[in-house]
Amino acid sequence: MATKALSTVTASSKGIFLCPHQYHEFNRHRFLSLQHHHHHHHHHNTSSSKPRPITSFLVHLEPIGPRAHQHSKPKPKLTRARAADSTQPTTVSSTADKTVVPDDQFSLAKVSFGVIGLGGGLSLLSYGFGAYFNILPGSEWSALMLTYGFPLAIIGMAFKYAELKPVPCLTYSDALKLRETSATPILTQVRNDVTRYRYGDEQHLDEALKRIFQYGQGGGIARRSAPTLQSIREEVTEDGRYSLVLVFEAKALQLSDFEQRQAKFASFFGPGITAEIVKGEKNLYEVRLISNSNVDPSA
């Protein structure tokens, strides 16, 4: 690559400054400076006392000119590796270490009588009609099938109409270990009642909520504003106590409505428990029923 001739020569009292106008296609410039480096030497020979010129070069490697931004490359950013902060936790919290115990045990309480009755009755009616018209074999049994199939289907429909589905239950492994020794009989009964199918009740814990919130009474709330149980959770508190958490949805209530009845929750689901009220997401409120017996020694 050829370099064009010098276009500027500047003289000064301290030396000569030479500047080439352009250096190859990237518009890089090179500066040449001839300066006198003054050193005061005291020699006996006067001819050697003259200052000697020293040539120095200053090379400017960055692009200069209208096309500088097109050919310039971004400089890498330097980052300094920071030391690990000793104040930050090095282990996962105990809540994250808990594992959820799947509820895969079979129980008749988890079976819907409405589904059984309706399914069995419709099956008998269908086969009975098919056998009666000689579409299916067993015509001698068709009258019996129709006789029992019709009332069974009606009973199944009635159970299905009055059915109250169980709420989901989330159980942690550490709470499962404390259930037998720390859960009070009332907490065990509450857990069993809300995790099975019920018939004829408008909602789970209906009698308990009626007494605690006093539907339609002075200082109470309207029945249409009653909270609805959405789920329950078994967990262990930080001090190692068994806790059954009732998660309610109440769109027409505030946190203060639950806090005012905190003592009533402890009294109704007691004895031997402590009640705590916690605000959840959106319209959810948690009532934590904490057992006061058999504290986990490993906590």
C-alpha atoms as a PDB file:
ATOM      1  CA  MET A   1       0.000   0.000   0.000  1.00  0.00           C
ATOM      2  CA  ALA A   2       1.423   3.297  -1.057  1.00  0.00           C
ATOM      3  CA  THR A   3       1.577   6.307   1.157  1.00  0.00           C
ATOM      4  CA  LYS A   4       0.921   9.721  -0.292  1.00  0.00           C
ATOM      5  CA  ALA A   5       3.435  12.551  -0.059  1.00  0.00           C
ATOM      6  CA  LEU A   6       3.573  14.888   2.861  1.00  0.00           C
ATOM      7  CA  SER A   7       1.296  17.855   2.538  1.00  0.00           C
ATOM      8  CA  THR A   8       2.122  19.837   5.645  1.00  0.00           C
ATOM      9  CA  VAL A   9       5.474  20.838   7.099  1.00  0.00           C
ATOM     10  CA  THR A  10       5.418  22.870  10.239  1.00  0.00           C
ATOM     11  CA  ALA A  11       8.477  24.361  11.833  1.00  0.00           C
ATOM     12  CA  SER A  12       8.833  25.540  15.369  1.00  0.00           C
ATOM     13  CA  SER A  13      11.514  26.671  17.637  1.00  0.00           C
ATOM     14  CA  LYS A  14      11.780  23.249  19.234  1.00  0.00           C
ATOM     15  CA  GLY A  15      11.842  21.141  16.097  1.00  0.00           C
ATOM     16  CA  ILE A  16      10.079  20.159  12.936  1.00  0.00           C
ATOM     17  CA  PHE A  17       6.569  18.667  12.857  1.00  0.00           C
ATOM     18  CA  LEU A  18       5.733  16.622   9.793  1.00  0.00           C
ATOM     19  CA  CYS A  19       2.218  15.439   9.122  1.00  0.00           C
ATOM     20  CA  PRO A  20       1.264  13.206   6.199  1.00  0.00           C
ATOM     21  CA  HIS A  21      -2.171  14.097   4.934  1.00  0.00           C
ATOM     22  CA  GLN A  22      -3.384  10.521   4.505  1.00  0.00           C
ATOM     23  CA  TYR A  23      -2.052   7.078   5.318  1.00  0.00           C
ATOM     24  CA  HIS A  24      -3.471   4.211   3.189  1.00  0.00           C
ATOM     25  CA  GLU A  25      -7.161   3.449   2.761  1.00  0.00           C
ATOM     26  CA  PHE A  26      -8.188   3.432   6.396  1.00  0.00           C
ATOM     27  CA  ASN A  27      -7.441   7.140   6.860  1.00  0.00           C
ATOM     28  CA  ARG A  28      -4.866   6.485   9.568  1.00  0.00           C
ATOM     29  CA  HIS A  29      -2.336   9.215  10.228  1.00  0.00           C
ATOM     30  CA  ARG A  30       1.300   9.047  11.248  1.00  0.00           C
ATOM     31  CA  PHE A  31       3.062  11.939  12.919  1.00  0.00           C
ATOM     32  CA  LEU A  32       6.765  12.554  12.762  1.00  0.00           C
ATOM     33  CA  SER A  33       8.312  14.919  15.260  1.00  0.00           C
ATOM     34  CA  LEU A  34      11.948  16.028  15.325  1.00  0.00           C
ATOM     35  CA  GLN A  35      12.653  17.621  18.652  1.00  0.00           C
ATOM     36  CA  HIS A  36      15.754  18.686  20.435  1.00  0.00           C
ATOM     37  CA  HIS A  37      16.204  16.855  23.666  1.00  0.00           C
ATOM     38  CA  HIS A  38      17.927  19.377  25.902  1.00  0.00           C
ATOM     39  CA  HIS A  39      20.399  17.957  28.368  1.00  0.00           C
ATOM     40  CA  HIS A  40      22.845  20.236  30.112  1.00  0.00           C
ATOM     41  CA  HIS A  41      26.152  18.392  30.085  1.00  0.00           C
ATOM     42  CA  HIS A  42      29.185  20.040  31.548  1.00  0.00           C
ATOM     43  CA  HIS A  43      32.136  18.886  29.469  1.00  0.00           C
ATOM     44  CA  HIS A  44      35.528  20.446  29.000  1.00  0.00           C
ATOM     45  CA  ASN A  45      35.178  20.117  25.243  1.00  0.00           C
ATOM     46  CA  THR A  46      32.924  22.886  23.969  1.00  0.00           C
ATOM     47  CA  SER A  47      32.223  21.071  20.683  1.00  0.00           C
ATOM     48  CA  SER A  48      30.492  18.229  22.468  1.00  0.00           C
ATOM     49  CA  SER A  49      28.256  20.546  24.484  1.00  0.00           C
ATOM     50  CA  LYS A  50      25.877  21.125  21.578  1.00  0.00           C
ATOM     51  CA  PRO A  51      22.501  19.496  21.911  1.00  0.00           C
ATOM     52  CA  ARG A  52      21.974  16.386  19.864  1.00  0.00           C
ATOM     53  CA  PRO A  53      18.700  16.016  17.986  1.00  0.00           C
ATOM     54  CA  ILE A  54      16.617  13.038  18.961  1.00  0.00           C
ATOM     55  CA  THR A  55      14.030  11.703  16.581  1.00  0.00           C
ATOM     56  CA  SER A  56      10.735  10.411  18.037  1.00  0.00           C
ATOM     57  CA  PHE A  57       7.712   8.939  16.329  1.00  0.00           C
ATOM     58  CA  LEU A  58       4.136   9.243  17.387  1.00  0.00           C
ATOM     59  CA  VAL A  59       1.844   6.784  15.614  1.00  0.00           C
ATOM     60  CA  HIS A  60      -1.893   7.369  15.747  1.00  0.00           C
ATOM     61  CA  LEU A  61      -3.543   4.031  15.019  1.00  0.00           C
ATOM     62  CA  GLU A  62      -7.186   5.023  15.257  1.00  0.00           C
ATOM     63  CA  PRO A  63      -9.011   6.003  12.058  1.00  0.00           C
ATOM     64  CA  ILE A  64      -9.465   9.687  11.338  1.00  0.00           C
ATOM     65  CA  GLY A  65     -11.698  11.092   8.662  1.00  0.00           C
ATOM     66  CA  PRO A  66     -15.212  10.791   7.279  1.00  0.00           C
ATOM     67  CA  ARG A  67     -14.932   7.022   6.928  1.00  0.00           C
ATOM     68  CA  ALA A  68     -13.588   6.489  10.407  1.00  0.00           C
ATOM     69  CA  HIS A  69     -16.842   5.231  11.819  1.00  0.00           C
ATOM     70  CA  GLN A  70     -17.253   2.734   8.993  1.00  0.00           C
ATOM     71  CA  HIS A  71     -13.889   1.019   9.497  1.00  0.00           C
ATOM     72  CA  SER A  72     -13.477   1.389  13.210  1.00  0.00           C
ATOM     73  CA  LYS A  73     -14.046  -1.737  15.256  1.00  0.00           C
ATOM     74  CA  PRO A  74     -15.714  -1.627  18.643  1.00  0.00           C
ATOM     75  CA  LYS A  75     -13.344  -1.945  21.527  1.00  0.00           C
ATOM     76  CA  PRO A  76     -13.912  -4.907  23.798  1.00  0.00           C
ATOM     77  CA  LYS A  77     -15.234  -3.997  27.190  1.00  0.00           C
ATOM     78  CA  LEU A  78     -13.160  -5.049  30.110  1.00  0.00           C
ATOM     79  CA  THR A  79     -14.928  -6.501  33.088  1.00  0.00           C
ATOM     80  CA  ARG A  80     -13.506  -7.217  36.462  1.00  0.00           C
ATOM     81  CA  ALA A  81     -14.397 -10.493  38.090  1.00  0.00           C
ATOM     82  CA  ARG A  82     -15.923  -9.789  41.454  1.00  0.00           C
ATOM     83  CA  ALA A  83     -15.276 -11.938  44.436  1.00  0.00           C
ATOM     84  CA  ALA A  84     -18.090 -13.985  45.860  1.00  0.00           C
ATOM     85  CA  ASP A  85     -20.115 -12.175  48.468  1.00  0.00           C
ATOM     86  CA  SER A  86     -19.821 -14.022  51.753  1.00  0.00           C
ATOM     87  CA  THR A  87     -23.050 -12.478  52.964  1.00  0.00           C
ATOM     88  CA  GLN A  88     -25.129 -14.196  50.299  1.00  0.00           C
ATOM     89  CA  PRO A  89     -26.660 -17.570  51.228  1.00  0.00           C
ATOM     90  CA  THR A  90     -24.750 -20.523  49.895  1.00  0.00           C
ATOM     91  CA  THR A  91     -27.490 -23.075  50.397  1.00  0.00           C
ATOM     92  CA  VAL A  92     -31.046 -23.284  49.211  1.00  0.00           C
ATOM     93  CA  SER A  93     -33.706 -22.326  51.699  1.00  0.00           C
ATOM     94  CA  SER A  94     -35.380 -25.073  53.648  1.00  0.00           C
ATOM     95  CA  THR A  95     -38.689 -24.395  51.876  1.00  0.00           C
ATOM     96  CA  ALA A  96     -37.118 -25.171  48.481  1.00  0.00           C
ATOM     97  CA  ASP A  97     -35.685 -28.453  49.849  1.00  0.00           C
ATOM     98  CA  LYS A  98     -39.141 -29.795  50.721  1.00  0.00           C
ATOM     99  CA  THR A  99     -40.596 -32.400  48.451  1.00  0.00           C
ATOM    100  CA  VAL A 100     -44.289 -32.820  47.752  1.00  0.00           C
ATOM    101  CA  VAL A 101     -45.778 -36.178  48.717  1.00  0.00           C
ATOM    102  CA  PRO A 102     -48.166 -37.454  46.002  1.00  0.00           C
ATOM    103  CA  ASP A 103     -51.594 -38.513  47.209  1.00  0.00           C
ATOM    104  CA  ASP A 104     -51.934 -41.775  45.296  1.00  0.00           C
ATOM    105  CA  GLN A 105     -53.614 -43.908  47.961  1.00  0.00           C
ATOM    106  CA  PHE A 106     -56.962 -45.370  46.991  1.00  0.00           C
ATOM    107  CA  SER A 107     -59.933 -44.657  49.221  1.00  0.00           C
ATOM    108  CA  LEU A 108     -63.677 -44.948  48.802  1.00  0.00           C
ATOM    109  CA  ALA A 109     -63.980 -41.414  50.127  1.00  0.00           C
ATOM    110  CA  LYS A 110     -62.254 -40.233  46.952  1.00  0.00           C
ATOM    111  CA  VAL A 111     -64.795 -41.966  44.710  1.00  0.00           C
ATOM    112  CA  SER A 112     -67.908 -40.144  43.568  1.00  0.00           C
ATOM    113  CA  PHE A 113     -71.111 -42.055  44.331  1.00  0.00           C
ATOM    114  CA  GLY A 114     -72.845 -39.950  41.731  1.00  0.00           C
ATOM    115  CA  VAL A 115     -70.532 -41.162  38.992  1.00  0.00           C
ATOM    116  CA  ILE A 116     -70.898 -44.791  40.107  1.00  0.00           C
ATOM    117  CA  GLY A 117     -74.698 -44.653  40.345  1.00  0.00           C
ATOM    118  CA  LEU A 118     -75.229 -42.728  37.147  1.00  0.00           C
ATOM    119  CA  GLY A 119     -72.778 -44.846  35.181  1.00  0.00           C
ATOM    120  CA  GLY A 120     -74.168 -48.132  36.452  1.00  0.00           C
ATOM    121  CA  GLY A 121     -77.808 -47.139  35.970  1.00  0.00           C
ATOM    122  CA  LEU A 122     -77.301 -45.926  32.403  1.00  0.00           C
ATOM    123  CA  SER A 123     -75.397 -49.092  31.541  1.00  0.00           C
ATOM    124  CA  LEU A 124     -78.225 -51.310  32.800  1.00  0.00           C
ATOM    125  CA  LEU A 125     -80.842 -49.242  30.973  1.00  0.00           C
ATOM    126  CA  SER A 126     -78.925 -49.320  27.704  1.00  0.00           C
ATOM    127  CA  TYR A 127     -78.329 -53.056  27.759  1.00  0.00           C
ATOM    128  CA  GLY A 128     -81.870 -53.737  29.007  1.00  0.00           C
ATOM    129  CA  PHE A 129     -83.427 -51.870  26.084  1.00  0.00           C
ATOM    130  CA  GLY A 130     -81.080 -53.579  23.632  1.00  0.00           C
ATOM    131  CA  ALA A 131     -81.926 -57.007  25.000  1.00  0.00           C
ATOM    132  CA  TYR A 132     -85.654 -56.257  25.098  1.00  0.00           C
ATOM    133  CA  PHE A 133     -85.680 -55.471  21.349  1.00  0.00           C
ATOM    134  CA  ASN A 134     -83.433 -58.483  20.617  1.00  0.00           C
ATOM    135  CA  ILE A 135     -80.576 -56.270  19.500  1.00  0.00           C
ATOM    136  CA  LEU A 136     -78.359 -57.688  22.232  1.00  0.00           C
ATOM    137  CA  PRO A 137     -78.414 -61.196  23.736  1.00  0.00           C
ATOM    138  CA  GLY A 138     -80.049 -61.880  27.127  1.00  0.00           C
ATOM    139  CA  SER A 139     -83.661 -60.959  26.474  1.00  0.00           C
ATOM    140  CA  GLU A 140     -84.758 -62.980  29.516  1.00  0.00           C
ATOM    141  CA  TRP A 141     -82.823 -60.539  31.735  1.00  0.00           C
ATOM    142  CA  SER A 142     -84.025 -57.342  30.070  1.00  0.00           C
ATOM    143  CA  ALA A 143     -86.912 -56.747  32.475  1.00  0.00           C
ATOM    144  CA  LEU A 144     -84.615 -57.091  35.482  1.00  0.00           C
ATOM    145  CA  MET A 145     -82.092 -54.705  33.987  1.00  0.00           C
ATOM    146  CA  LEU A 146     -84.733 -52.102  33.296  1.00  0.00           C
ATOM    147  CA  THR A 147     -86.217 -52.505  36.745  1.00  0.00           C
ATOM    148  CA  TYR A 148     -82.959 -51.841  38.575  1.00  0.00           C
ATOM    149  CA  GLY A 149     -81.298 -49.633  36.010  1.00  0.00           C
ATOM    150  CA  PHE A 150     -83.864 -46.854  36.111  1.00  0.00           C
ATOM    151  CA  PRO A 151     -83.855 -46.165  39.883  1.00  0.00           C
ATOM    152  CA  LEU A 152     -80.069 -46.565  40.016  1.00  0.00           C
ATOM    153  CA  ALA A 153     -79.678 -43.869  37.371  1.00  0.00           C
ATOM    154  CA  ILE A 154     -82.053 -41.577  39.287  1.00  0.00           C
ATOM    155  CA  ILE A 155     -80.099 -42.075  42.515  1.00  0.00           C
ATOM    156  CA  GLY A 156     -76.838 -41.423  40.691  1.00  0.00           C
ATOM    157  CA  MET A 157     -78.208 -38.185  39.264  1.00  0.00           C
ATOM    158  CA  ALA A 158     -79.311 -37.086  42.747  1.00  0.00           C
ATOM    159  CA  PHE A 159     -75.865 -37.793  44.218  1.00  0.00           C
ATOM    160  CA  LYS A 160     -74.249 -35.966  41.344  1.00  0.00           C
ATOM    161  CA  TYR A 161     -76.439 -32.921  41.898  1.00  0.00           C
ATOM    162  CA  ALA A 162     -75.736 -32.740  45.636  1.00  0.00           C
ATOM    163  CA  GLU A 163     -72.054 -33.573  45.235  1.00  0.00           C
ATOM    164  CA  LEU A 164     -69.332 -31.381  46.736  1.00  0.00           C
ATOM    165  CA  LYS A 165     -65.944 -32.222  45.274  1.00  0.00           C
ATOM    166  CA  PRO A 166     -62.886 -32.510  47.509  1.00  0.00           C
ATOM    167  CA  VAL A 167     -60.344 -29.723  47.605  1.00  0.00           C
ATOM    168  CA  PRO A 168     -56.731 -30.383  46.582  1.00  0.00           C
ATOM    169  CA  CYS A 169     -54.312 -31.103  49.406  1.00  0.00           C
ATOM    170  CA  LEU A 170     -50.596 -30.293  49.157  1.00  0.00           C
ATOM    171  CA  THR A 171     -48.498 -32.244  51.639  1.00  0.00           C
ATOM    172  CA  TYR A 172     -44.752 -31.802  52.182  1.00  0.00           C
ATOM    173  CA  SER A 173     -42.587 -34.697  53.246  1.00  0.00           C
ATOM    174  CA  ASP A 174     -41.497 -33.129  56.537  1.00  0.00           C
ATOM    175  CA  ALA A 175     -45.129 -32.406  57.461  1.00  0.00           C
ATOM    176  CA  LEU A 176     -46.092 -36.002  56.695  1.00  0.00           C
ATOM    177  CA  LYS A 177     -43.562 -37.204  59.266  1.00  0.00           C
ATOM    178  CA  LEU A 178     -45.114 -34.993  61.941  1.00  0.00           C
ATOM    179  CA  ARG A 179     -48.743 -35.726  61.101  1.00  0.00           C
ATOM    180  CA  GLU A 180     -49.088 -38.776  63.335  1.00  0.00           C
ATOM    181  CA  THR A 181     -47.454 -37.179  66.366  1.00  0.00           C
ATOM    182  CA  SER A 182     -48.301 -33.489  66.060  1.00  0.00           C
ATOM    183  CA  ALA A 183     -51.643 -33.173  64.277  1.00  0.00           C
ATOM    184  CA  THR A 184     -54.516 -32.783  66.738  1.00  0.00           C
ATOM    185  CA  PRO A 185     -57.650 -34.933  66.273  1.00  0.00           C
ATOM    186  CA  ILE A 186     -59.604 -31.916  65.045  1.00  0.00           C
ATOM    187  CA  LEU A 187     -56.954 -31.029  62.433  1.00  0.00           C
ATOM    188  CA  THR A 188     -56.970 -34.635  61.251  1.00  0.00           C
ATOM    189  CA  GLN A 189     -60.749 -34.602  60.981  1.00  0.00           C
ATOM    190  CA  VAL A 190     -60.705 -31.315  59.033  1.00  0.00           C
ATOM    191  CA  ARG A 191     -58.166 -32.708  56.577  1.00  0.00           C
ATOM    192  CA  ASN A 192     -60.167 -35.907  56.055  1.00  0.00           C
ATOM    193  CA  ASP A 193     -63.481 -34.077  55.642  1.00  0.00           C
ATOM    194  CA  VAL A 194     -62.356 -31.580  53.001  1.00  0.00           C
ATOM    195  CA  THR A 195     -60.391 -34.108  50.931  1.00  0.00           C
ATOM    196  CA  ARG A 196     -63.358 -36.421  50.251  1.00  0.00           C
ATOM    197  CA  TYR A 197     -66.659 -36.134  48.425  1.00  0.00           C
ATOM    198  CA  ARG A 198     -69.469 -34.682  50.496  1.00  0.00           C
ATOM    199  CA  TYR A 199     -73.182 -34.607  49.722  1.00  0.00           C
ATOM    200  CA  GLY A 200     -75.780 -32.080  50.765  1.00  0.00           C
ATOM    201  CA  ASP A 201     -73.330 -29.389  51.918  1.00  0.00           C
ATOM    202  CA  GLU A 202     -73.095 -26.083  50.127  1.00  0.00           C
ATOM    203  CA  GLN A 203     -69.388 -25.794  50.771  1.00  0.00           C
ATOM    204  CA  HIS A 204     -66.603 -27.274  52.852  1.00  0.00           C
ATOM    205  CA  LEU A 205     -66.426 -26.205  56.519  1.00  0.00           C
ATOM    206  CA  ASP A 206     -69.832 -24.626  56.137  1.00  0.00           C
ATOM    207  CA  GLU A 207     -70.779 -25.012  59.808  1.00  0.00           C
ATOM    208  CA  ALA A 208     -67.429 -23.685  61.004  1.00  0.00           C
ATOM    209  CA  LEU A 209     -67.558 -20.610  58.755  1.00  0.00           C
ATOM    210  CA  LYS A 210     -71.153 -19.959  59.778  1.00  0.00           C
ATOM    211  CA  ARG A 211     -70.165 -19.718  63.437  1.00  0.00           C
ATOM    212  CA  ILE A 212     -66.962 -17.795  62.869  1.00  0.00           C
ATOM    213  CA  PHE A 213     -68.320 -15.166  60.445  1.00  0.00           C
ATOM    214  CA  GLN A 214     -71.857 -15.112  61.914  1.00  0.00           C
ATOM    215  CA  TYR A 215     -73.889 -14.995  58.722  1.00  0.00           C
ATOM    216  CA  GLY A 216     -76.672 -12.438  58.855  1.00  0.00           C
ATOM    217  CA  GLN A 217     -76.057 -11.459  62.497  1.00  0.00           C
ATOM    218  CA  GLY A 218     -74.889  -8.239  64.085  1.00  0.00           C
ATOM    219  CA  GLY A 219     -71.194  -7.739  63.446  1.00  0.00           C
ATOM    220  CA  GLY A 220     -71.220 -10.585  60.939  1.00  0.00           C
ATOM    221  CA  ILE A 221     -71.220 -10.762  57.157  1.00  0.00           C
ATOM    222  CA  ALA A 222     -73.795 -11.633  54.519  1.00  0.00           C
ATOM    223  CA  ARG A 223     -73.915 -15.256  53.485  1.00  0.00           C
ATOM    224  CA  ARG A 224     -73.267 -14.361  49.852  1.00  0.00           C
ATOM    225  CA  SER A 225     -69.950 -12.842  50.958  1.00  0.00           C
ATOM    226  CA  ALA A 226     -68.826 -16.007  52.738  1.00  0.00           C
ATOM    227  CA  PRO A 227     -65.298 -17.236  51.918  1.00  0.00           C
ATOM    228  CA  THR A 228     -64.892 -20.438  49.919  1.00  0.00           C
ATOM    229  CA  LEU A 229     -62.265 -23.060  50.704  1.00  0.00           C
ATOM    230  CA  GLN A 230     -60.026 -23.567  47.661  1.00  0.00           C
ATOM    231  CA  SER A 231     -57.258 -25.854  48.922  1.00  0.00           C
ATOM    232  CA  ILE A 232     -55.355 -26.978  52.005  1.00  0.00           C
ATOM    233  CA  ARG A 233     -51.650 -27.424  52.646  1.00  0.00           C
ATOM    234  CA  GLU A 234     -49.650 -29.407  55.203  1.00  0.00           C
ATOM    235  CA  GLU A 235     -46.320 -27.865  56.102  1.00  0.00           C
ATOM    236  CA  VAL A 236     -43.877 -27.346  58.938  1.00  0.00           C
ATOM    237  CA  THR A 237     -43.194 -23.926  60.422  1.00  0.00           C
ATOM    238  CA  GLU A 238     -39.721 -22.487  60.924  1.00  0.00           C
ATOM    239  CA  ASP A 239     -39.711 -23.578  64.563  1.00  0.00           C
ATOM    240  CA  GLY A 240     -40.630 -27.148  63.611  1.00  0.00           C
ATOM    241  CA  ARG A 241     -44.376 -27.269  64.297  1.00  0.00           C
ATOM    242  CA  TYR A 242     -47.019 -28.995  62.214  1.00  0.00           C
ATOM    243  CA  SER A 243     -49.340 -26.594  60.385  1.00  0.00           C
ATOM    244  CA  LEU A 244     -52.529 -27.128  58.413  1.00  0.00           C
ATOM    245  CA  VAL A 245     -53.114 -24.172  56.082  1.00  0.00           C
ATOM    246  CA  LEU A 246     -56.643 -23.398  54.870  1.00  0.00           C
ATOM    247  CA  VAL A 247     -56.659 -21.326  51.676  1.00  0.00           C
ATOM    248  CA  PHE A 248     -59.891 -19.343  51.219  1.00  0.00           C
ATOM    249  CA  GLU A 249     -61.142 -17.196  48.364  1.00  0.00           C
ATOM    250  CA  ALA A 250     -63.149 -14.167  49.462  1.00  0.00           C
ATOM    251  CA  LYS A 251     -63.800 -11.496  46.859  1.00  0.00           C
ATOM    252  CA  ALA A 252     -66.057  -9.387  49.118  1.00  0.00           C
ATOM    253  CA  LEU A 253     -63.871  -9.516  52.241  1.00  0.00           C
ATOM    254  CA  GLN A 254     -60.713  -7.761  53.388  1.00  0.00           C
ATOM    255  CA  LEU A 255     -57.747  -8.933  55.413  1.00  0.00           C
ATOM    256  CA  SER A 256     -59.134  -7.140  58.451  1.00  0.00           C
ATOM    257  CA  ASP A 257     -62.274  -9.305  58.301  1.00  0.00           C
ATOM    258  CA  PHE A 258     -60.126 -12.375  58.850  1.00  0.00           C
ATOM    259  CA  GLU A 259     -57.818 -10.782  61.404  1.00  0.00           C
ATOM    260  CA  GLN A 260     -60.771  -9.755  63.560  1.00  0.00           C
ATOM    261  CA  ARG A 261     -61.793 -13.417  63.759  1.00  0.00           C
ATOM    262  CA  GLN A 262     -58.347 -14.864  64.333  1.00  0.00           C
ATOM    263  CA  ALA A 263     -59.190 -15.828  67.926  1.00  0.00           C
ATOM    264  CA  LYS A 264     -62.404 -17.498  66.762  1.00  0.00           C
ATOM    265  CA  PHE A 265     -60.481 -19.667  64.312  1.00  0.00           C
ATOM    266  CA  ALA A 266     -58.154 -20.783  67.114  1.00  0.00           C
ATOM    267  CA  SER A 267     -61.075 -21.441  69.445  1.00  0.00           C
ATOM    268  CA  PHE A 268     -63.218 -23.373  66.962  1.00  0.00           C
ATOM    269  CA  PHE A 269     -60.419 -25.609  65.624  1.00  0.00           C
ATOM    270  CA  GLY A 270     -58.742 -25.930  69.030  1.00  0.00           C
ATOM    271  CA  PRO A 271     -57.658 -26.804  71.552  1.00  0.00           C
ATOM    272  CA  GLY A 272     -53.902 -27.010  71.215  1.00  0.00           C
ATOM    273  CA  ILE A 273     -53.472 -24.822  68.132  1.00  0.00           C
ATOM    274  CA  THR A 274     -52.482 -21.280  67.204  1.00  0.00           C
ATOM    275  CA  ALA A 275     -54.165 -19.468  64.312  1.00  0.00           C
ATOM    276  CA  GLU A 276     -52.361 -17.084  61.969  1.00  0.00           C
ATOM    277  CA  ILE A 277     -53.823 -15.037  59.123  1.00  0.00           C
ATOM    278  CA  VAL A 278     -51.791 -14.345  55.962  1.00  0.00           C
ATOM    279  CA  LYS A 279     -52.837 -12.479  52.808  1.00  0.00           C
ATOM    280  CA  GLY A 280     -52.286 -14.480  49.656  1.00  0.00           C
ATOM    281  CA  GLU A 281     -52.469 -13.599  45.980  1.00  0.00           C
ATOM    282  CA  LYS A 282     -55.403 -11.562  44.686  1.00  0.00           C
ATOM    283  CA  ASN A 283     -58.503 -12.593  46.669  1.00  0.00           C
ATOM    284  CA  LEU A 284     -56.889 -15.494  48.560  1.00  0.00           C
ATOM    285  CA  TYR A 285     -56.432 -15.586  52.332  1.00  0.00           C
ATOM    286  CA  GLU A 286     -54.572 -18.233  54.312  1.00  0.00           C
ATOM    287  CA  VAL A 287     -55.588 -19.386  57.779  1.00  0.00           C
ATOM    288  CA  ARG A 288     -52.701 -21.312  59.323  1.00  0.00           C
ATOM    289  CA  LEU A 289     -53.701 -23.695  62.091  1.00  0.00           C
ATOM    290  CA  ILE A 290     -50.430 -24.445  63.878  1.00  0.00           C
ATOM    291  CA  SER A 291     -50.217 -27.304  66.356  1.00  0.00           C
ATOM    292  CA  ASN A 292     -48.649 -26.495  69.738  1.00  0.00           C
ATOM    293  CA  SER A 293     -47.635 -30.054  70.549  1.00  0.00           C
ATOM    294  CA  ASN A 294     -44.659 -32.196  69.650  1.00  0.00           C
ATOM    295  CA  VAL A 295     -42.216 -29.679  68.170  1.00  0.00           C
ATOM    296  CA  ASP A 296     -39.923 -31.230  65.610  1.00  0.00           C
ATOM    297  CA  PRO A 297     -36.503 -31.604  67.298  1.00  0.00           C
ATOM    298  CA  SER A 298     -34.657 -31.541  63.977  1.00  0.00           C
ATOM    299  CA  ALA A 299     -35.850 -27.972  63.148  1.00  0.00           C
END
